[in-house]
Amino acid sequence: MLEPYKYLLNFDTKFHTVLYNEGEENLWTSIQPILVDALSSNSFKVERLTNDEFLTYNSKRSIVFYFPEKFSTYILARSLEVNKPNNITEKNTRYR
């Protein structure tokens, strides 16, 4: 099973939290339905971000997942049992 080893939680420009080995928080389990929806819905839009654009998300409420190895979003979709992944998986996107 694919599972992040680290999470970066961004609350705003000043407050960030890094979680390792989530333990009892179950963050990964609770976010999976959202990822399944994102990887199977046709209403999601994908765009590549520059490094600068990516860094702006550190000042917005967001979660960054860090996985032990890079892999394609298709692998992530299939590990989450998405039977018909949308075109997000065709963008050659890789998670870290």
C-alpha atoms as a PDB file:
ATOM      1  CA  MET A   1       0.000   0.000   0.000  1.00  0.00           C
ATOM      2  CA  LEU A   2       1.261   3.462  -0.871  1.00  0.00           C
ATOM      3  CA  GLU A   3       1.420   5.782   2.082  1.00  0.00           C
ATOM      4  CA  PRO A   4       3.207   9.095   2.683  1.00  0.00           C
ATOM      5  CA  TYR A   5       6.031   9.103   5.199  1.00  0.00           C
ATOM      6  CA  LYS A   6       5.669  12.837   5.864  1.00  0.00           C
ATOM      7  CA  TYR A   7       2.956  15.501   5.649  1.00  0.00           C
ATOM      8  CA  LEU A   8       3.370  19.256   5.471  1.00  0.00           C
ATOM      9  CA  LEU A   9       0.275  21.055   6.734  1.00  0.00           C
ATOM     10  CA  ASN A  10       0.138  24.717   5.741  1.00  0.00           C
ATOM     11  CA  PHE A  11      -2.325  26.865   7.635  1.00  0.00           C
ATOM     12  CA  ASP A  12      -1.206  30.294   6.412  1.00  0.00           C
ATOM     13  CA  THR A  13       2.029  32.219   5.889  1.00  0.00           C
ATOM     14  CA  LYS A  14       3.118  31.825   9.525  1.00  0.00           C
ATOM     15  CA  PHE A  15       1.815  28.454  10.688  1.00  0.00           C
ATOM     16  CA  HIS A  16       2.991  25.118   9.299  1.00  0.00           C
ATOM     17  CA  THR A  17       3.190  21.652  10.785  1.00  0.00           C
ATOM     18  CA  VAL A  18       5.201  18.645   9.659  1.00  0.00           C
ATOM     19  CA  LEU A  19       3.882  15.223  10.661  1.00  0.00           C
ATOM     20  CA  TYR A  20       5.881  12.003  10.508  1.00  0.00           C
ATOM     21  CA  ASN A  21       4.393   8.572  11.057  1.00  0.00           C
ATOM     22  CA  GLU A  22       0.927   9.936  11.631  1.00  0.00           C
ATOM     23  CA  GLY A  23       0.045   7.354  14.260  1.00  0.00           C
ATOM     24  CA  GLU A  24      -3.496   7.872  15.497  1.00  0.00           C
ATOM     25  CA  GLU A  25      -4.298  10.957  13.381  1.00  0.00           C
ATOM     26  CA  ASN A  26      -5.398   8.882  10.366  1.00  0.00           C
ATOM     27  CA  LEU A  27      -4.769  11.782   7.994  1.00  0.00           C
ATOM     28  CA  TRP A  28      -3.970   9.506   5.063  1.00  0.00           C
ATOM     29  CA  THR A  29      -7.124   7.440   5.572  1.00  0.00           C
ATOM     30  CA  SER A  30      -9.338  10.513   5.842  1.00  0.00           C
ATOM     31  CA  ILE A  31      -7.938  12.175   2.688  1.00  0.00           C
ATOM     32  CA  GLN A  32      -8.270   9.099   0.455  1.00  0.00           C
ATOM     33  CA  PRO A  33     -11.935   9.724  -0.537  1.00  0.00           C
ATOM     34  CA  ILE A  34     -10.964  13.220  -1.707  1.00  0.00           C
ATOM     35  CA  LEU A  35      -8.092  11.811  -3.768  1.00  0.00           C
ATOM     36  CA  VAL A  36     -10.357   9.137  -5.253  1.00  0.00           C
ATOM     37  CA  ASP A  37     -12.794  11.869  -6.298  1.00  0.00           C
ATOM     38  CA  ALA A  38      -9.978  13.980  -7.770  1.00  0.00           C
ATOM     39  CA  LEU A  39      -8.552  11.032  -9.704  1.00  0.00           C
ATOM     40  CA  SER A  40     -11.886   9.796 -11.080  1.00  0.00           C
ATOM     41  CA  SER A  41     -13.976  12.939 -11.661  1.00  0.00           C
ATOM     42  CA  ASN A  42     -14.055  14.684 -15.022  1.00  0.00           C
ATOM     43  CA  SER A  43     -14.632  18.063 -13.380  1.00  0.00           C
ATOM     44  CA  PHE A  44     -11.047  18.484 -12.114  1.00  0.00           C
ATOM     45  CA  LYS A  45      -8.526  20.541 -14.062  1.00  0.00           C
ATOM     46  CA  VAL A  46      -4.787  19.932 -13.986  1.00  0.00           C
ATOM     47  CA  GLU A  47      -2.120  22.514 -14.679  1.00  0.00           C
ATOM     48  CA  ARG A  48       1.611  22.373 -14.174  1.00  0.00           C
ATOM     49  CA  LEU A  49       2.934  24.766 -11.549  1.00  0.00           C
ATOM     50  CA  THR A  50       6.249  26.536 -11.642  1.00  0.00           C
ATOM     51  CA  ASN A  51       8.384  26.263  -8.505  1.00  0.00           C
ATOM     52  CA  ASP A  52       7.385  29.805  -7.549  1.00  0.00           C
ATOM     53  CA  GLU A  53       3.689  29.008  -7.978  1.00  0.00           C
ATOM     54  CA  PHE A  54       4.113  25.869  -5.904  1.00  0.00           C
ATOM     55  CA  LEU A  55       5.769  27.852  -3.114  1.00  0.00           C
ATOM     56  CA  THR A  56       2.783  30.218  -2.935  1.00  0.00           C
ATOM     57  CA  TYR A  57       0.725  27.292  -1.660  1.00  0.00           C
ATOM     58  CA  ASN A  58       2.778  27.344   1.519  1.00  0.00           C
ATOM     59  CA  SER A  59       0.881  30.500   2.404  1.00  0.00           C
ATOM     60  CA  LYS A  60      -2.527  28.916   1.706  1.00  0.00           C
ATOM     61  CA  ARG A  61      -4.308  26.158   3.556  1.00  0.00           C
ATOM     62  CA  SER A  62      -2.923  23.036   1.960  1.00  0.00           C
ATOM     63  CA  ILE A  63      -1.427  19.612   2.541  1.00  0.00           C
ATOM     64  CA  VAL A  64       1.718  18.323   0.865  1.00  0.00           C
ATOM     65  CA  PHE A  65       2.259  14.562   0.907  1.00  0.00           C
ATOM     66  CA  TYR A  66       5.795  13.175   0.739  1.00  0.00           C
ATOM     67  CA  PHE A  67       6.142   9.583  -0.420  1.00  0.00           C
ATOM     68  CA  PRO A  68       9.275   7.425  -0.098  1.00  0.00           C
ATOM     69  CA  GLU A  69       9.653   7.196  -3.906  1.00  0.00           C
ATOM     70  CA  LYS A  70       8.419   9.022  -6.985  1.00  0.00           C
ATOM     71  CA  PHE A  71       5.602   7.308  -8.859  1.00  0.00           C
ATOM     72  CA  SER A  72       2.951   8.212 -11.401  1.00  0.00           C
ATOM     73  CA  THR A  73      -0.511   9.376 -10.469  1.00  0.00           C
ATOM     74  CA  TYR A  74      -1.852   6.335 -12.321  1.00  0.00           C
ATOM     75  CA  ILE A  75      -0.152   4.101  -9.734  1.00  0.00           C
ATOM     76  CA  LEU A  76      -1.671   6.228  -6.963  1.00  0.00           C
ATOM     77  CA  ALA A  77      -5.127   5.980  -8.560  1.00  0.00           C
ATOM     78  CA  ARG A  78      -4.912   2.211  -8.914  1.00  0.00           C
ATOM     79  CA  SER A  79      -3.654   1.811  -5.333  1.00  0.00           C
ATOM     80  CA  LEU A  80      -6.765   3.717  -4.220  1.00  0.00           C
ATOM     81  CA  GLU A  81      -8.883   1.310  -6.292  1.00  0.00           C
ATOM     82  CA  VAL A  82      -9.966   3.918  -8.860  1.00  0.00           C
ATOM     83  CA  ASN A  83     -11.253   1.712 -11.685  1.00  0.00           C
ATOM     84  CA  LYS A  84     -11.395   4.411 -14.368  1.00  0.00           C
ATOM     85  CA  PRO A  85      -8.809   7.113 -13.638  1.00  0.00           C
ATOM     86  CA  ASN A  86      -9.389  10.431 -15.404  1.00  0.00           C
ATOM     87  CA  ASN A  87      -6.898  12.275 -17.595  1.00  0.00           C
ATOM     88  CA  ILE A  88      -4.974  13.543 -14.557  1.00  0.00           C
ATOM     89  CA  THR A  89      -3.043  10.279 -14.727  1.00  0.00           C
ATOM     90  CA  GLU A  90      -2.121  10.976 -18.372  1.00  0.00           C
ATOM     91  CA  LYS A  91      -0.260  14.185 -17.530  1.00  0.00           C
ATOM     92  CA  ASN A  92       2.872  12.206 -16.546  1.00  0.00           C
ATOM     93  CA  THR A  93       2.588  13.718 -13.097  1.00  0.00           C
ATOM     94  CA  ARG A  94       4.796  12.266 -10.401  1.00  0.00           C
ATOM     95  CA  TYR A  95       4.415  12.498  -6.651  1.00  0.00           C
ATOM     96  CA  ARG A  96       7.403  12.766  -4.412  1.00  0.00           C
END
